[in-house]
Amino acid sequence: MSSPGSETKPAAPTSLTAHELRYLLDLESSAAARANLRRLNLPAVADDSDAVEAGAATLLVRGLAQLADGKLRLGEIAGLVGYVLTHASTWTELALIGVDVADGALLLTEDDVTLLFIPRPLAIFDVLALRRPSGAREMVMSLATAFLDGGHDRIAVVRADGGSGERSAAVIRTGPDRWRVAVDVPRPGAPELPESSYLDTDRASALRTLAQVPA
């Protein structure tokens, strides 16, 4: 099955609000949509119906949807994002944590499309479509490598599931030439890995371990 807009994908980031994403996630009542709602960690609202209605309204006034015969018709970009959000079960998460910074991204893949979601202030997400099948791995490694090379006392954690179960790895750079790596990293809130689970290695080996994770 081809996704809407699969022949011409958005080539530059599109900013979408949390309410707009809620509307797109509400297009289908699917297990993938419910899971991706959690993965995006959207802020809680008192009434989901109000959030969905607000998302529809802003998509319309921003030109990402149109009214036709009294119904909201999604434009190409919004239609593609809505399709991936409600169908994608292949995902990769990236968390970047340092002394003064905490950032992250979510990548969702369905058919031949991978969408990159980067959270911004005020519950806004930048969304970018990656065209190549290897796009998820390339993007994750580009972001993680630049972050780790940018300073000391930084950690990059990658989690992914392509259908065979969640896998994960973490790389910590604690000094100019000190790199540490661990696999099967617990999620926040679970018991942390013991210190002995982190192994000293070199930069190349640490990055190779991360590169094996993305779906």
N, C-alpha and C. Protein backbone atom coordinates (compact mmCIF):
# COMPACT_ATOMS: atom_id res chain seq x y z
N MET A 1 0.84 -1.19 0.00
CA MET A 1 0.00 0.00 0.00
C MET A 1 0.87 1.24 0.00
N SER A 2 0.59 2.17 -0.87
CA SER A 2 1.38 3.40 -0.95
C SER A 2 0.83 4.43 0.01
N SER A 3 1.71 5.17 0.66
CA SER A 3 1.27 6.22 1.57
C SER A 3 0.90 7.46 0.79
N PRO A 4 -0.03 8.31 1.34
CA PRO A 4 -0.37 9.55 0.67
C PRO A 4 0.87 10.42 0.51
N GLY A 5 1.06 10.96 -0.67
CA GLY A 5 2.19 11.85 -0.89
C GLY A 5 3.50 11.13 -1.03
N SER A 6 3.50 9.80 -1.27
CA SER A 6 4.76 9.06 -1.30
C SER A 6 5.62 9.40 -2.51
N GLU A 7 5.02 9.95 -3.56
CA GLU A 7 5.82 10.28 -4.73
C GLU A 7 6.59 11.58 -4.54
N THR A 8 6.01 12.52 -3.77
CA THR A 8 6.69 13.78 -3.51
C THR A 8 6.66 14.04 -2.02
N LYS A 9 7.77 13.85 -1.36
CA LYS A 9 7.82 13.98 0.09
C LYS A 9 8.33 15.37 0.46
N PRO A 10 7.93 15.87 1.64
CA PRO A 10 8.44 17.18 2.05
C PRO A 10 9.95 17.17 2.17
N ALA A 11 10.63 18.14 1.55
CA ALA A 11 12.09 18.15 1.49
C ALA A 11 12.70 19.03 2.57
N ALA A 12 11.89 19.78 3.29
CA ALA A 12 12.39 20.65 4.34
C ALA A 12 11.52 20.44 5.58
N PRO A 13 12.04 20.76 6.78
CA PRO A 13 11.24 20.55 7.99
C PRO A 13 9.94 21.35 7.95
N THR A 14 8.90 20.74 8.46
CA THR A 14 7.61 21.39 8.65
C THR A 14 7.32 21.43 10.14
N SER A 15 6.97 22.57 10.67
CA SER A 15 6.66 22.69 12.09
C SER A 15 5.19 22.39 12.31
N LEU A 16 4.90 21.50 13.26
CA LEU A 16 3.53 21.14 13.61
C LEU A 16 3.36 21.26 15.11
N THR A 17 2.21 21.75 15.53
CA THR A 17 1.94 21.89 16.96
C THR A 17 1.47 20.56 17.54
N ALA A 18 1.50 20.46 18.87
CA ALA A 18 1.00 19.26 19.53
C ALA A 18 -0.46 19.02 19.20
N HIS A 19 -1.27 20.07 19.12
CA HIS A 19 -2.68 19.91 18.78
C HIS A 19 -2.85 19.38 17.36
N GLU A 20 -2.03 19.86 16.44
CA GLU A 20 -2.11 19.35 15.06
C GLU A 20 -1.73 17.88 15.00
N LEU A 21 -0.71 17.48 15.75
CA LEU A 21 -0.32 16.08 15.77
C LEU A 21 -1.41 15.23 16.41
N ARG A 22 -2.09 15.77 17.42
CA ARG A 22 -3.20 15.02 18.03
C ARG A 22 -4.32 14.79 17.01
N TYR A 23 -4.60 15.80 16.21
CA TYR A 23 -5.62 15.63 15.18
C TYR A 23 -5.20 14.53 14.20
N LEU A 24 -3.96 14.57 13.76
CA LEU A 24 -3.49 13.58 12.79
C LEU A 24 -3.46 12.18 13.39
N LEU A 25 -3.12 12.07 14.67
CA LEU A 25 -3.13 10.77 15.33
C LEU A 25 -4.54 10.23 15.50
N ASP A 26 -5.52 11.12 15.50
CA ASP A 26 -6.91 10.73 15.69
C ASP A 26 -7.58 10.30 14.38
N LEU A 27 -6.84 10.36 13.28
CA LEU A 27 -7.43 9.99 11.99
C LEU A 27 -7.83 8.52 11.95
N GLU A 28 -7.09 7.67 12.65
CA GLU A 28 -7.41 6.25 12.73
C GLU A 28 -7.23 5.77 14.16
N SER A 29 -8.14 4.93 14.61
CA SER A 29 -8.02 4.35 15.94
C SER A 29 -7.22 3.06 15.82
N SER A 30 -5.90 3.20 15.76
CA SER A 30 -5.03 2.05 15.54
C SER A 30 -4.05 1.90 16.70
N ALA A 31 -3.52 0.70 16.84
CA ALA A 31 -2.51 0.45 17.87
C ALA A 31 -1.27 1.30 17.62
N ALA A 32 -0.92 1.47 16.33
CA ALA A 32 0.25 2.29 16.00
C ALA A 32 0.03 3.73 16.43
N ALA A 33 -1.16 4.27 16.20
CA ALA A 33 -1.45 5.64 16.60
C ALA A 33 -1.34 5.82 18.10
N ARG A 34 -1.89 4.88 18.86
CA ARG A 34 -1.82 4.98 20.33
C ARG A 34 -0.38 4.89 20.82
N ALA A 35 0.40 4.00 20.21
CA ALA A 35 1.80 3.86 20.62
C ALA A 35 2.60 5.10 20.27
N ASN A 36 2.36 5.67 19.09
CA ASN A 36 3.12 6.84 18.67
C ASN A 36 2.73 8.08 19.45
N LEU A 37 1.49 8.15 19.93
CA LEU A 37 1.10 9.23 20.83
C LEU A 37 1.97 9.21 22.08
N ARG A 38 2.20 8.02 22.63
CA ARG A 38 3.06 7.90 23.82
C ARG A 38 4.51 8.22 23.47
N ARG A 39 4.98 7.75 22.32
CA ARG A 39 6.38 7.97 21.96
C ARG A 39 6.68 9.45 21.76
N LEU A 40 5.72 10.21 21.25
CA LEU A 40 5.92 11.64 21.08
C LEU A 40 5.84 12.40 22.39
N ASN A 41 5.33 11.72 23.44
CA ASN A 41 5.25 12.33 24.77
C ASN A 41 4.53 13.68 24.70
N LEU A 42 3.39 13.68 24.04
CA LEU A 42 2.63 14.92 23.90
C LEU A 42 2.09 15.35 25.26
N PRO A 43 2.01 16.65 25.50
CA PRO A 43 1.54 17.13 26.80
C PRO A 43 0.09 16.73 27.04
N ALA A 44 -0.22 16.42 28.29
CA ALA A 44 -1.58 16.02 28.64
C ALA A 44 -2.52 17.21 28.53
N VAL A 45 -3.75 16.95 28.09
CA VAL A 45 -4.78 17.98 28.04
C VAL A 45 -6.03 17.45 28.71
N ALA A 46 -6.85 18.37 29.20
CA ALA A 46 -8.03 17.95 29.95
C ALA A 46 -9.06 17.27 29.07
N ASP A 47 -9.17 17.70 27.83
CA ASP A 47 -10.20 17.16 26.93
C ASP A 47 -9.58 16.95 25.56
N ASP A 48 -9.37 15.68 25.20
CA ASP A 48 -8.74 15.38 23.91
C ASP A 48 -9.55 15.92 22.74
N SER A 49 -10.89 15.94 22.86
CA SER A 49 -11.70 16.41 21.74
C SER A 49 -11.42 17.87 21.44
N ASP A 50 -11.18 18.68 22.49
CA ASP A 50 -10.84 20.08 22.27
C ASP A 50 -9.49 20.20 21.58
N ALA A 51 -8.53 19.36 21.98
CA ALA A 51 -7.20 19.40 21.37
C ALA A 51 -7.28 19.01 19.90
N VAL A 52 -8.07 17.97 19.60
CA VAL A 52 -8.22 17.52 18.22
C VAL A 52 -8.86 18.61 17.37
N GLU A 53 -9.90 19.26 17.90
CA GLU A 53 -10.57 20.33 17.16
C GLU A 53 -9.64 21.51 16.91
N ALA A 54 -8.84 21.85 17.92
CA ALA A 54 -7.88 22.94 17.75
C ALA A 54 -6.85 22.61 16.69
N GLY A 55 -6.42 21.35 16.65
CA GLY A 55 -5.45 20.94 15.63
C GLY A 55 -6.02 21.05 14.23
N ALA A 56 -7.27 20.65 14.06
CA ALA A 56 -7.91 20.76 12.75
C ALA A 56 -7.99 22.21 12.31
N ALA A 57 -8.33 23.09 13.25
CA ALA A 57 -8.49 24.51 12.92
C ALA A 57 -7.17 25.14 12.48
N THR A 58 -6.09 24.83 13.19
CA THR A 58 -4.81 25.46 12.83
C THR A 58 -4.23 24.87 11.55
N LEU A 59 -4.46 23.59 11.29
CA LEU A 59 -4.05 23.03 10.00
C LEU A 59 -4.75 23.76 8.86
N LEU A 60 -6.02 24.09 9.07
CA LEU A 60 -6.80 24.77 8.05
C LEU A 60 -6.29 26.19 7.81
N VAL A 61 -6.12 26.97 8.88
CA VAL A 61 -5.73 28.37 8.70
C VAL A 61 -4.28 28.50 8.24
N ARG A 62 -3.46 27.47 8.47
CA ARG A 62 -2.06 27.53 8.02
C ARG A 62 -1.89 26.98 6.61
N GLY A 63 -2.98 26.57 5.98
CA GLY A 63 -2.90 26.08 4.61
C GLY A 63 -2.42 24.66 4.48
N LEU A 64 -2.38 23.91 5.58
CA LEU A 64 -1.96 22.50 5.52
C LEU A 64 -3.16 21.58 5.31
N ALA A 65 -4.35 22.16 5.25
CA ALA A 65 -5.57 21.42 4.95
C ALA A 65 -6.55 22.40 4.31
N GLN A 66 -7.56 21.84 3.65
CA GLN A 66 -8.58 22.67 3.01
C GLN A 66 -9.96 22.09 3.31
N LEU A 67 -10.98 22.95 3.21
CA LEU A 67 -12.36 22.49 3.32
C LEU A 67 -12.90 22.18 1.94
N ALA A 68 -13.47 21.00 1.79
CA ALA A 68 -14.08 20.60 0.52
C ALA A 68 -15.36 19.84 0.84
N ASP A 69 -16.49 20.35 0.35
CA ASP A 69 -17.79 19.74 0.61
C ASP A 69 -18.05 19.58 2.11
N GLY A 70 -17.60 20.59 2.86
CA GLY A 70 -17.83 20.58 4.29
C GLY A 70 -16.93 19.66 5.08
N LYS A 71 -15.94 19.05 4.43
CA LYS A 71 -15.02 18.15 5.11
C LYS A 71 -13.60 18.69 5.02
N LEU A 72 -12.82 18.37 6.05
CA LEU A 72 -11.42 18.80 6.06
C LEU A 72 -10.59 17.84 5.22
N ARG A 73 -9.91 18.36 4.22
CA ARG A 73 -9.04 17.56 3.36
C ARG A 73 -7.60 17.95 3.64
N LEU A 74 -6.80 16.98 4.02
CA LEU A 74 -5.41 17.25 4.35
C LEU A 74 -4.60 17.53 3.09
N GLY A 75 -3.66 18.47 3.21
CA GLY A 75 -2.70 18.69 2.15
C GLY A 75 -1.68 17.57 2.12
N GLU A 76 -0.77 17.65 1.16
CA GLU A 76 0.19 16.56 0.95
C GLU A 76 1.04 16.29 2.19
N ILE A 77 1.61 17.32 2.78
CA ILE A 77 2.50 17.12 3.91
C ILE A 77 1.74 16.58 5.11
N ALA A 78 0.61 17.22 5.46
CA ALA A 78 -0.16 16.76 6.61
C ALA A 78 -0.68 15.34 6.39
N GLY A 79 -1.07 15.02 5.15
CA GLY A 79 -1.54 13.68 4.86
C GLY A 79 -0.46 12.63 5.05
N LEU A 80 0.76 12.96 4.63
CA LEU A 80 1.88 12.04 4.81
C LEU A 80 2.18 11.82 6.29
N VAL A 81 2.22 12.91 7.05
CA VAL A 81 2.50 12.79 8.49
C VAL A 81 1.40 11.98 9.17
N GLY A 82 0.12 12.26 8.82
CA GLY A 82 -0.97 11.51 9.42
C GLY A 82 -0.90 10.03 9.10
N TYR A 83 -0.54 9.69 7.88
CA TYR A 83 -0.43 8.29 7.49
C TYR A 83 0.65 7.58 8.31
N VAL A 84 1.82 8.19 8.42
CA VAL A 84 2.92 7.55 9.15
C VAL A 84 2.58 7.44 10.63
N LEU A 85 2.00 8.49 11.21
CA LEU A 85 1.66 8.45 12.64
C LEU A 85 0.68 7.33 12.98
N THR A 86 -0.24 7.03 12.08
CA THR A 86 -1.28 6.05 12.38
C THR A 86 -0.95 4.64 11.89
N HIS A 87 0.19 4.47 11.20
CA HIS A 87 0.55 3.15 10.67
C HIS A 87 1.92 2.66 11.11
N ALA A 88 2.85 3.56 11.44
CA ALA A 88 4.24 3.15 11.66
C ALA A 88 4.41 2.41 12.99
N SER A 89 5.00 1.23 12.92
CA SER A 89 5.36 0.48 14.12
C SER A 89 6.88 0.30 14.22
N THR A 90 7.60 0.77 13.21
CA THR A 90 9.06 0.77 13.25
C THR A 90 9.53 2.14 13.71
N TRP A 91 10.33 2.17 14.78
CA TRP A 91 10.69 3.46 15.36
C TRP A 91 12.11 3.44 15.91
N THR A 92 12.67 4.63 16.02
CA THR A 92 13.99 4.83 16.65
C THR A 92 13.92 6.09 17.50
N GLU A 93 14.39 6.01 18.73
CA GLU A 93 14.45 7.16 19.63
C GLU A 93 15.91 7.54 19.88
N LEU A 94 16.17 8.83 19.95
CA LEU A 94 17.50 9.33 20.27
C LEU A 94 17.38 10.32 21.42
N ALA A 95 18.17 10.11 22.47
CA ALA A 95 18.23 11.04 23.59
C ALA A 95 19.66 11.53 23.73
N LEU A 96 19.83 12.85 23.85
CA LEU A 96 21.14 13.48 24.00
C LEU A 96 21.13 14.29 25.29
N ILE A 97 22.05 13.94 26.20
CA ILE A 97 22.02 14.54 27.53
C ILE A 97 23.42 15.02 27.90
N GLY A 98 23.50 16.28 28.35
CA GLY A 98 24.76 16.85 28.81
C GLY A 98 24.53 17.68 30.05
N VAL A 99 25.58 18.34 30.52
CA VAL A 99 25.48 19.13 31.74
C VAL A 99 24.43 20.23 31.60
N ASP A 100 24.42 20.91 30.47
CA ASP A 100 23.51 22.04 30.28
C ASP A 100 22.54 21.83 29.12
N VAL A 101 22.38 20.59 28.66
CA VAL A 101 21.53 20.38 27.50
C VAL A 101 20.84 19.02 27.59
N ALA A 102 19.61 18.97 27.13
CA ALA A 102 18.88 17.71 26.99
C ALA A 102 18.03 17.83 25.73
N ASP A 103 18.26 16.95 24.80
CA ASP A 103 17.56 17.03 23.52
C ASP A 103 17.22 15.61 23.07
N GLY A 104 16.44 15.52 22.02
CA GLY A 104 16.08 14.19 21.54
C GLY A 104 15.34 14.26 20.24
N ALA A 105 15.01 13.08 19.72
CA ALA A 105 14.29 12.99 18.45
C ALA A 105 13.63 11.62 18.38
N LEU A 106 12.57 11.55 17.57
CA LEU A 106 11.88 10.30 17.30
C LEU A 106 11.80 10.12 15.79
N LEU A 107 12.12 8.93 15.32
CA LEU A 107 12.00 8.60 13.90
C LEU A 107 11.00 7.47 13.75
N LEU A 108 10.02 7.66 12.87
CA LEU A 108 9.01 6.65 12.58
C LEU A 108 9.10 6.26 11.11
N THR A 109 9.03 4.96 10.84
CA THR A 109 9.16 4.47 9.46
C THR A 109 7.95 3.65 9.08
N GLU A 110 7.40 3.94 7.90
CA GLU A 110 6.31 3.16 7.32
C GLU A 110 6.49 3.17 5.81
N ASP A 111 6.32 2.00 5.18
CA ASP A 111 6.58 1.86 3.75
C ASP A 111 8.00 2.36 3.46
N ASP A 112 8.15 3.29 2.54
CA ASP A 112 9.49 3.77 2.18
C ASP A 112 9.77 5.14 2.78
N VAL A 113 9.02 5.54 3.80
CA VAL A 113 9.17 6.89 4.36
C VAL A 113 9.57 6.81 5.82
N THR A 114 10.58 7.59 6.20
CA THR A 114 10.93 7.79 7.60
C THR A 114 10.72 9.26 7.93
N LEU A 115 9.98 9.53 8.98
CA LEU A 115 9.77 10.89 9.46
C LEU A 115 10.56 11.12 10.73
N LEU A 116 11.26 12.24 10.77
CA LEU A 116 12.03 12.65 11.94
C LEU A 116 11.23 13.72 12.68
N PHE A 117 10.96 13.50 13.96
CA PHE A 117 10.25 14.45 14.81
C PHE A 117 11.23 15.00 15.86
N ILE A 118 11.43 16.31 15.86
CA ILE A 118 12.31 16.95 16.85
C ILE A 118 11.48 17.92 17.68
N PRO A 119 11.37 17.69 19.00
CA PRO A 119 10.58 18.60 19.83
C PRO A 119 11.25 19.95 19.98
N ARG A 120 10.43 21.00 19.96
CA ARG A 120 10.88 22.37 20.16
C ARG A 120 10.09 22.98 21.30
N PRO A 121 10.46 24.18 21.76
CA PRO A 121 9.68 24.82 22.83
C PRO A 121 8.23 25.05 22.40
N LEU A 122 7.36 25.22 23.41
CA LEU A 122 5.93 25.53 23.21
C LEU A 122 5.19 24.39 22.51
N ALA A 123 5.61 23.15 22.77
CA ALA A 123 4.93 21.97 22.24
C ALA A 123 4.83 21.99 20.72
N ILE A 124 5.91 22.40 20.08
CA ILE A 124 6.01 22.40 18.63
C ILE A 124 7.04 21.35 18.21
N PHE A 125 6.78 20.67 17.10
CA PHE A 125 7.70 19.66 16.59
C PHE A 125 8.10 20.03 15.17
N ASP A 126 9.40 19.96 14.89
CA ASP A 126 9.88 20.04 13.51
C ASP A 126 9.83 18.63 12.93
N VAL A 127 9.23 18.49 11.76
CA VAL A 127 9.06 17.17 11.13
C VAL A 127 9.75 17.19 9.78
N LEU A 128 10.60 16.20 9.54
CA LEU A 128 11.36 16.11 8.30
C LEU A 128 11.23 14.71 7.74
N ALA A 129 10.94 14.60 6.44
CA ALA A 129 10.88 13.30 5.77
C ALA A 129 12.24 12.94 5.21
N LEU A 130 12.71 11.72 5.52
CA LEU A 130 13.97 11.20 5.00
C LEU A 130 13.66 10.24 3.87
N ARG A 131 14.32 10.41 2.74
CA ARG A 131 13.94 9.69 1.53
C ARG A 131 14.56 8.30 1.42
N ARG A 132 15.79 8.13 1.88
CA ARG A 132 16.47 6.85 1.65
C ARG A 132 16.12 5.85 2.74
N PRO A 133 16.09 4.55 2.42
CA PRO A 133 15.81 3.54 3.45
C PRO A 133 16.80 3.61 4.61
N SER A 134 18.04 4.01 4.33
CA SER A 134 19.05 4.09 5.38
C SER A 134 19.02 5.43 6.10
N GLY A 135 18.01 6.26 5.78
CA GLY A 135 17.98 7.61 6.32
C GLY A 135 17.94 7.67 7.84
N ALA A 136 17.23 6.75 8.47
CA ALA A 136 17.11 6.78 9.93
C ALA A 136 18.48 6.60 10.58
N ARG A 137 19.22 5.60 10.14
CA ARG A 137 20.55 5.35 10.73
C ARG A 137 21.49 6.53 10.48
N GLU A 138 21.47 7.04 9.26
CA GLU A 138 22.36 8.16 8.93
C GLU A 138 22.04 9.39 9.77
N MET A 139 20.75 9.70 9.94
CA MET A 139 20.37 10.87 10.70
C MET A 139 20.70 10.71 12.18
N VAL A 140 20.39 9.55 12.75
CA VAL A 140 20.69 9.31 14.17
C VAL A 140 22.19 9.42 14.42
N MET A 141 22.99 8.82 13.57
CA MET A 141 24.43 8.84 13.80
C MET A 141 25.01 10.24 13.58
N SER A 142 24.46 10.99 12.63
CA SER A 142 24.92 12.36 12.43
C SER A 142 24.66 13.21 13.66
N LEU A 143 23.44 13.12 14.22
CA LEU A 143 23.09 13.90 15.41
C LEU A 143 23.90 13.45 16.63
N ALA A 144 24.00 12.14 16.83
CA ALA A 144 24.71 11.62 18.01
C ALA A 144 26.20 11.93 17.95
N THR A 145 26.80 11.76 16.78
CA THR A 145 28.24 12.00 16.65
C THR A 145 28.57 13.47 16.88
N ALA A 146 27.80 14.36 16.28
CA ALA A 146 28.06 15.79 16.46
C ALA A 146 27.91 16.18 17.93
N PHE A 147 26.92 15.62 18.61
CA PHE A 147 26.70 15.94 20.02
C PHE A 147 27.85 15.43 20.88
N LEU A 148 28.23 14.18 20.71
CA LEU A 148 29.29 13.60 21.54
C LEU A 148 30.63 14.26 21.26
N ASP A 149 30.90 14.61 20.02
CA ASP A 149 32.17 15.26 19.68
C ASP A 149 32.20 16.70 20.16
N GLY A 150 31.06 17.25 20.55
CA GLY A 150 30.99 18.66 20.92
C GLY A 150 31.41 18.98 22.33
N GLY A 151 31.70 17.98 23.15
CA GLY A 151 32.11 18.26 24.53
C GLY A 151 32.23 16.99 25.34
N HIS A 152 32.63 17.15 26.60
CA HIS A 152 32.79 16.02 27.50
C HIS A 152 31.55 15.89 28.38
N ASP A 153 31.50 14.82 29.16
CA ASP A 153 30.39 14.56 30.07
C ASP A 153 29.06 14.61 29.33
N ARG A 154 28.98 13.88 28.24
CA ARG A 154 27.78 13.80 27.42
C ARG A 154 27.41 12.35 27.19
N ILE A 155 26.11 12.11 27.06
CA ILE A 155 25.63 10.75 26.82
C ILE A 155 24.62 10.76 25.69
N ALA A 156 24.72 9.79 24.82
CA ALA A 156 23.75 9.58 23.74
C ALA A 156 23.15 8.19 23.92
N VAL A 157 21.83 8.13 23.92
CA VAL A 157 21.12 6.85 24.07
C VAL A 157 20.23 6.65 22.85
N VAL A 158 20.34 5.49 22.23
CA VAL A 158 19.52 5.16 21.07
C VAL A 158 18.70 3.92 21.40
N ARG A 159 17.39 4.00 21.13
CA ARG A 159 16.49 2.86 21.29
C ARG A 159 15.75 2.65 19.96
N ALA A 160 15.42 1.42 19.65
CA ALA A 160 14.73 1.16 18.39
C ALA A 160 14.01 -0.17 18.44
N ASP A 161 13.02 -0.29 17.56
CA ASP A 161 12.31 -1.56 17.38
C ASP A 161 11.84 -1.63 15.94
N GLY A 162 12.32 -2.61 15.21
CA GLY A 162 11.88 -2.82 13.85
C GLY A 162 10.93 -3.98 13.71
N GLY A 163 10.39 -4.46 14.86
CA GLY A 163 9.45 -5.56 14.84
C GLY A 163 9.94 -6.80 15.56
N SER A 164 11.20 -6.81 15.98
CA SER A 164 11.76 -7.98 16.65
C SER A 164 12.06 -7.72 18.12
N GLY A 165 11.53 -6.63 18.67
CA GLY A 165 11.78 -6.32 20.07
C GLY A 165 12.70 -5.12 20.23
N GLU A 166 12.52 -4.40 21.34
CA GLU A 166 13.31 -3.19 21.57
C GLU A 166 14.77 -3.52 21.86
N ARG A 167 15.65 -2.73 21.28
CA ARG A 167 17.07 -2.83 21.58
C ARG A 167 17.57 -1.42 21.85
N SER A 168 18.70 -1.33 22.55
CA SER A 168 19.19 -0.01 22.93
C SER A 168 20.69 -0.06 23.19
N ALA A 169 21.29 1.12 23.14
CA ALA A 169 22.70 1.27 23.49
C ALA A 169 22.93 2.70 23.95
N ALA A 170 23.92 2.88 24.80
CA ALA A 170 24.28 4.20 25.31
C ALA A 170 25.79 4.38 25.18
N VAL A 171 26.18 5.59 24.81
CA VAL A 171 27.60 5.95 24.75
C VAL A 171 27.80 7.19 25.63
N ILE A 172 28.79 7.10 26.51
CA ILE A 172 29.14 8.22 27.39
C ILE A 172 30.55 8.68 27.05
N ARG A 173 30.70 9.97 26.83
CA ARG A 173 32.04 10.53 26.65
C ARG A 173 32.36 11.35 27.89
N THR A 174 33.29 10.86 28.70
CA THR A 174 33.62 11.53 29.97
C THR A 174 34.92 12.32 29.90
N GLY A 175 35.63 12.24 28.79
CA GLY A 175 36.87 12.97 28.63
C GLY A 175 37.29 12.99 27.18
N PRO A 176 38.39 13.69 26.87
CA PRO A 176 38.81 13.79 25.47
C PRO A 176 38.96 12.44 24.79
N ASP A 177 39.49 11.46 25.50
CA ASP A 177 39.74 10.15 24.90
C ASP A 177 39.08 9.01 25.68
N ARG A 178 38.10 9.37 26.52
CA ARG A 178 37.45 8.30 27.30
C ARG A 178 36.00 8.15 26.83
N TRP A 179 35.74 7.01 26.23
CA TRP A 179 34.41 6.67 25.72
C TRP A 179 33.96 5.40 26.41
N ARG A 180 32.71 5.36 26.83
CA ARG A 180 32.16 4.18 27.50
C ARG A 180 30.86 3.78 26.81
N VAL A 181 30.57 2.50 26.79
CA VAL A 181 29.41 2.02 26.05
C VAL A 181 28.70 0.93 26.85
N ALA A 182 27.38 0.88 26.71
CA ALA A 182 26.58 -0.18 27.32
C ALA A 182 25.41 -0.48 26.39
N VAL A 183 24.89 -1.69 26.48
CA VAL A 183 23.73 -2.09 25.68
C VAL A 183 22.59 -2.49 26.61
N ASP A 184 21.38 -2.61 26.04
CA ASP A 184 20.18 -2.95 26.83
C ASP A 184 20.02 -2.01 28.01
N VAL A 185 19.92 -0.74 27.69
CA VAL A 185 19.87 0.31 28.70
C VAL A 185 18.45 0.49 29.22
N PRO A 186 18.23 0.46 30.54
CA PRO A 186 16.87 0.64 31.08
C PRO A 186 16.33 2.04 30.76
N ARG A 187 15.02 2.14 30.69
CA ARG A 187 14.38 3.43 30.50
C ARG A 187 14.41 4.22 31.80
N PRO A 188 14.28 5.56 31.71
CA PRO A 188 14.26 6.37 32.94
C PRO A 188 13.16 5.89 33.89
N GLY A 189 13.51 5.82 35.16
CA GLY A 189 12.57 5.34 36.17
C GLY A 189 12.81 3.89 36.55
N ALA A 190 13.45 3.13 35.69
CA ALA A 190 13.80 1.74 36.00
C ALA A 190 15.16 1.72 36.70
N PRO A 191 15.49 0.64 37.39
CA PRO A 191 16.81 0.55 38.02
C PRO A 191 17.92 0.78 37.01
N GLU A 192 18.90 1.58 37.38
CA GLU A 192 19.99 1.90 36.47
C GLU A 192 20.94 0.71 36.32
N LEU A 193 21.66 0.71 35.19
CA LEU A 193 22.68 -0.31 35.00
C LEU A 193 23.80 -0.15 36.01
N PRO A 194 24.35 -1.25 36.51
CA PRO A 194 25.53 -1.13 37.38
C PRO A 194 26.71 -0.59 36.61
N GLU A 195 27.62 0.02 37.31
CA GLU A 195 28.81 0.63 36.69
C GLU A 195 29.58 -0.39 35.85
N SER A 196 29.55 -1.65 36.28
CA SER A 196 30.30 -2.68 35.58
C SER A 196 29.73 -2.99 34.19
N SER A 197 28.49 -2.53 33.92
CA SER A 197 27.88 -2.79 32.61
C SER A 197 28.42 -1.87 31.53
N TYR A 198 29.08 -0.78 31.95
CA TYR A 198 29.65 0.17 30.99
C TYR A 198 31.10 -0.21 30.74
N LEU A 199 31.45 -0.38 29.48
CA LEU A 199 32.79 -0.81 29.12
C LEU A 199 33.56 0.33 28.46
N ASP A 200 34.82 0.49 28.83
CA ASP A 200 35.68 1.48 28.19
C ASP A 200 36.01 1.02 26.78
N THR A 201 36.00 1.96 25.86
CA THR A 201 36.31 1.63 24.47
C THR A 201 36.84 2.88 23.78
N ASP A 202 37.06 2.79 22.48
CA ASP A 202 37.50 3.98 21.74
C ASP A 202 36.31 4.58 21.00
N ARG A 203 36.53 5.73 20.40
CA ARG A 203 35.45 6.45 19.73
C ARG A 203 34.82 5.62 18.61
N ALA A 204 35.65 5.04 17.77
CA ALA A 204 35.14 4.29 16.62
C ALA A 204 34.27 3.11 17.06
N SER A 205 34.71 2.38 18.07
CA SER A 205 33.95 1.22 18.54
C SER A 205 32.64 1.66 19.19
N ALA A 206 32.69 2.75 19.96
CA ALA A 206 31.48 3.25 20.61
C ALA A 206 30.43 3.65 19.58
N LEU A 207 30.85 4.36 18.55
CA LEU A 207 29.91 4.80 17.53
C LEU A 207 29.39 3.63 16.70
N ARG A 208 30.21 2.60 16.51
CA ARG A 208 29.73 1.41 15.79
C ARG A 208 28.62 0.72 16.58
N THR A 209 28.75 0.69 17.90
CA THR A 209 27.72 0.09 18.74
C THR A 209 26.41 0.85 18.59
N LEU A 210 26.46 2.18 18.62
CA LEU A 210 25.25 2.99 18.44
C LEU A 210 24.63 2.74 17.07
N ALA A 211 25.47 2.63 16.06
CA ALA A 211 24.98 2.49 14.68
C ALA A 211 24.24 1.20 14.44
N GLN A 212 24.42 0.20 15.31
CA GLN A 212 23.75 -1.08 15.15
C GLN A 212 22.31 -1.04 15.64
N VAL A 213 21.92 0.03 16.36
CA VAL A 213 20.62 0.07 17.00
C VAL A 213 19.49 0.56 16.10
N PRO A 214 19.64 1.68 15.35
CA PRO A 214 18.48 2.23 14.63
C PRO A 214 17.78 1.23 13.74
N ALA A 215 16.45 1.33 13.73
CA ALA A 215 15.63 0.40 12.94
C ALA A 215 15.67 0.78 11.47
